[in-house]
Amino acid sequence: MEKEEKLKEIYEGLEEIKDQLTALIDEYEEEETHTGKADELIEALDALEDASETIEDVLEN
């Protein structure tokens, strides 16, 4: 049970980080100069989404 609780905490933390990262990406995309930073951050967000989904799958099984 302890492992599942840790995974739930990690999952919740990832969800919070994803929300913060999404807001930051929006700020980068609103800027007039496109430096490619938003694209790089989107890749990081995608990786976090994959991690969240994996943890969710482990918790469901």
N, C-alpha and C. Protein backbone atom coordinates (compact mmCIF):
# COMPACT_ATOMS: atom_id res chain seq x y z
N MET A 1 0.82 -1.20 0.00
CA MET A 1 0.00 0.00 0.00
C MET A 1 0.87 1.26 0.00
N GLU A 2 1.99 1.20 0.63
CA GLU A 2 2.89 2.35 0.72
C GLU A 2 3.38 2.77 -0.68
N LYS A 3 3.67 1.80 -1.52
CA LYS A 3 4.13 2.10 -2.88
C LYS A 3 3.06 2.83 -3.67
N GLU A 4 1.82 2.39 -3.52
CA GLU A 4 0.72 3.03 -4.24
C GLU A 4 0.54 4.47 -3.78
N GLU A 5 0.70 4.71 -2.50
CA GLU A 5 0.57 6.08 -1.97
C GLU A 5 1.67 6.97 -2.56
N LYS A 6 2.88 6.45 -2.64
CA LYS A 6 3.98 7.22 -3.22
C LYS A 6 3.71 7.52 -4.69
N LEU A 7 3.20 6.52 -5.41
CA LEU A 7 2.88 6.73 -6.82
C LEU A 7 1.78 7.78 -6.98
N LYS A 8 0.79 7.76 -6.10
CA LYS A 8 -0.29 8.76 -6.16
C LYS A 8 0.28 10.16 -5.94
N GLU A 9 1.20 10.29 -4.99
CA GLU A 9 1.82 11.59 -4.72
C GLU A 9 2.62 12.06 -5.93
N ILE A 10 3.36 11.16 -6.54
CA ILE A 10 4.14 11.50 -7.73
C ILE A 10 3.20 11.91 -8.86
N TYR A 11 2.13 11.16 -9.04
CA TYR A 11 1.16 11.46 -10.08
C TYR A 11 0.57 12.86 -9.87
N GLU A 12 0.17 13.16 -8.66
CA GLU A 12 -0.40 14.48 -8.35
C GLU A 12 0.63 15.59 -8.59
N GLY A 13 1.88 15.33 -8.24
CA GLY A 13 2.93 16.31 -8.48
C GLY A 13 3.15 16.55 -9.97
N LEU A 14 3.11 15.47 -10.74
CA LEU A 14 3.26 15.61 -12.19
C LEU A 14 2.12 16.42 -12.78
N GLU A 15 0.91 16.20 -12.29
CA GLU A 15 -0.24 16.95 -12.80
C GLU A 15 -0.07 18.44 -12.52
N GLU A 16 0.43 18.77 -11.34
CA GLU A 16 0.66 20.17 -10.99
C GLU A 16 1.75 20.79 -11.87
N ILE A 17 2.82 20.05 -12.08
CA ILE A 17 3.91 20.53 -12.92
C ILE A 17 3.42 20.71 -14.36
N LYS A 18 2.61 19.79 -14.84
CA LYS A 18 2.07 19.90 -16.20
C LYS A 18 1.24 21.17 -16.34
N ASP A 19 0.43 21.48 -15.35
CA ASP A 19 -0.39 22.69 -15.39
C ASP A 19 0.49 23.94 -15.43
N GLN A 20 1.53 23.95 -14.61
CA GLN A 20 2.44 25.10 -14.58
C GLN A 20 3.19 25.24 -15.90
N LEU A 21 3.62 24.12 -16.44
CA LEU A 21 4.35 24.13 -17.69
C LEU A 21 3.45 24.59 -18.85
N THR A 22 2.21 24.18 -18.83
CA THR A 22 1.26 24.61 -19.85
C THR A 22 1.10 26.12 -19.82
N ALA A 23 0.97 26.69 -18.64
CA ALA A 23 0.84 28.14 -18.51
C ALA A 23 2.09 28.85 -19.04
N LEU A 24 3.25 28.30 -18.75
CA LEU A 24 4.50 28.89 -19.21
C LEU A 24 4.62 28.79 -20.73
N ILE A 25 4.21 27.68 -21.29
CA ILE A 25 4.22 27.52 -22.75
C ILE A 25 3.32 28.57 -23.39
N ASP A 26 2.15 28.78 -22.80
CA ASP A 26 1.24 29.80 -23.32
C ASP A 26 1.91 31.17 -23.33
N GLU A 27 2.66 31.48 -22.28
CA GLU A 27 3.36 32.77 -22.22
C GLU A 27 4.40 32.87 -23.33
N TYR A 28 5.16 31.80 -23.55
CA TYR A 28 6.15 31.81 -24.62
C TYR A 28 5.49 31.98 -25.99
N GLU A 29 4.36 31.31 -26.17
CA GLU A 29 3.68 31.38 -27.46
C GLU A 29 3.08 32.75 -27.72
N GLU A 30 2.76 33.49 -26.65
CA GLU A 30 2.19 34.83 -26.80
C GLU A 30 3.25 35.87 -27.17
N GLU A 31 4.51 35.56 -26.88
CA GLU A 31 5.58 36.49 -27.20
C GLU A 31 5.70 36.65 -28.72
N GLU A 32 6.11 37.82 -29.12
CA GLU A 32 6.25 38.08 -30.55
C GLU A 32 7.44 37.35 -31.15
N THR A 33 8.51 37.23 -30.41
CA THR A 33 9.70 36.54 -30.93
C THR A 33 9.60 35.06 -30.62
N HIS A 34 9.78 34.27 -31.64
CA HIS A 34 9.71 32.82 -31.47
C HIS A 34 11.13 32.26 -31.46
N THR A 35 11.53 31.81 -30.32
CA THR A 35 12.89 31.30 -30.15
C THR A 35 12.94 29.78 -30.21
N GLY A 36 11.81 29.15 -30.33
CA GLY A 36 11.77 27.70 -30.33
C GLY A 36 11.66 27.12 -28.93
N LYS A 37 11.68 27.99 -27.93
CA LYS A 37 11.59 27.50 -26.55
C LYS A 37 10.26 26.82 -26.28
N ALA A 38 9.19 27.37 -26.83
CA ALA A 38 7.87 26.77 -26.62
C ALA A 38 7.84 25.34 -27.17
N ASP A 39 8.44 25.15 -28.34
CA ASP A 39 8.46 23.81 -28.93
C ASP A 39 9.22 22.82 -28.04
N GLU A 40 10.33 23.27 -27.49
CA GLU A 40 11.11 22.40 -26.60
C GLU A 40 10.32 22.08 -25.34
N LEU A 41 9.63 23.08 -24.81
CA LEU A 41 8.83 22.86 -23.60
C LEU A 41 7.65 21.95 -23.87
N ILE A 42 7.09 22.03 -25.07
CA ILE A 42 5.99 21.14 -25.45
C ILE A 42 6.48 19.70 -25.46
N GLU A 43 7.70 19.47 -25.91
CA GLU A 43 8.27 18.12 -25.88
C GLU A 43 8.39 17.62 -24.45
N ALA A 44 8.82 18.51 -23.55
CA ALA A 44 8.91 18.14 -22.13
C ALA A 44 7.53 17.83 -21.57
N LEU A 45 6.53 18.63 -21.95
CA LEU A 45 5.17 18.40 -21.49
C LEU A 45 4.65 17.05 -21.98
N ASP A 46 4.96 16.73 -23.22
CA ASP A 46 4.56 15.42 -23.76
C ASP A 46 5.18 14.28 -22.97
N ALA A 47 6.44 14.43 -22.59
CA ALA A 47 7.11 13.40 -21.81
C ALA A 47 6.46 13.26 -20.43
N LEU A 48 6.10 14.38 -19.83
CA LEU A 48 5.42 14.33 -18.53
C LEU A 48 4.05 13.67 -18.66
N GLU A 49 3.38 13.93 -19.76
CA GLU A 49 2.07 13.30 -20.00
C GLU A 49 2.23 11.78 -20.12
N ASP A 50 3.27 11.36 -20.84
CA ASP A 50 3.54 9.92 -20.95
C ASP A 50 3.81 9.30 -19.58
N ALA A 51 4.59 9.99 -18.77
CA ALA A 51 4.91 9.49 -17.43
C ALA A 51 3.64 9.40 -16.58
N SER A 52 2.80 10.41 -16.66
CA SER A 52 1.54 10.40 -15.90
C SER A 52 0.66 9.23 -16.31
N GLU A 53 0.55 9.02 -17.61
CA GLU A 53 -0.27 7.90 -18.10
C GLU A 53 0.26 6.56 -17.64
N THR A 54 1.57 6.41 -17.65
CA THR A 54 2.18 5.16 -17.20
C THR A 54 1.90 4.91 -15.73
N ILE A 55 2.06 5.94 -14.92
CA ILE A 55 1.80 5.81 -13.49
C ILE A 55 0.32 5.50 -13.26
N GLU A 56 -0.55 6.16 -14.01
CA GLU A 56 -1.98 5.90 -13.88
C GLU A 56 -2.30 4.43 -14.22
N ASP A 57 -1.67 3.92 -15.27
CA ASP A 57 -1.87 2.51 -15.64
C ASP A 57 -1.41 1.56 -14.53
N VAL A 58 -0.28 1.87 -13.91
CA VAL A 58 0.23 1.03 -12.82
C VAL A 58 -0.72 1.06 -11.65
N LEU A 59 -1.27 2.22 -11.34
CA LEU A 59 -2.20 2.34 -10.22
C LEU A 59 -3.50 1.61 -10.47
N GLU A 60 -3.91 1.51 -11.73
CA GLU A 60 -5.16 0.84 -12.05
C GLU A 60 -5.03 -0.67 -12.03
N ASN A 61 -3.83 -1.20 -12.17
CA ASN A 61 -3.63 -2.66 -12.24
C ASN A 61 -3.26 -3.25 -10.92
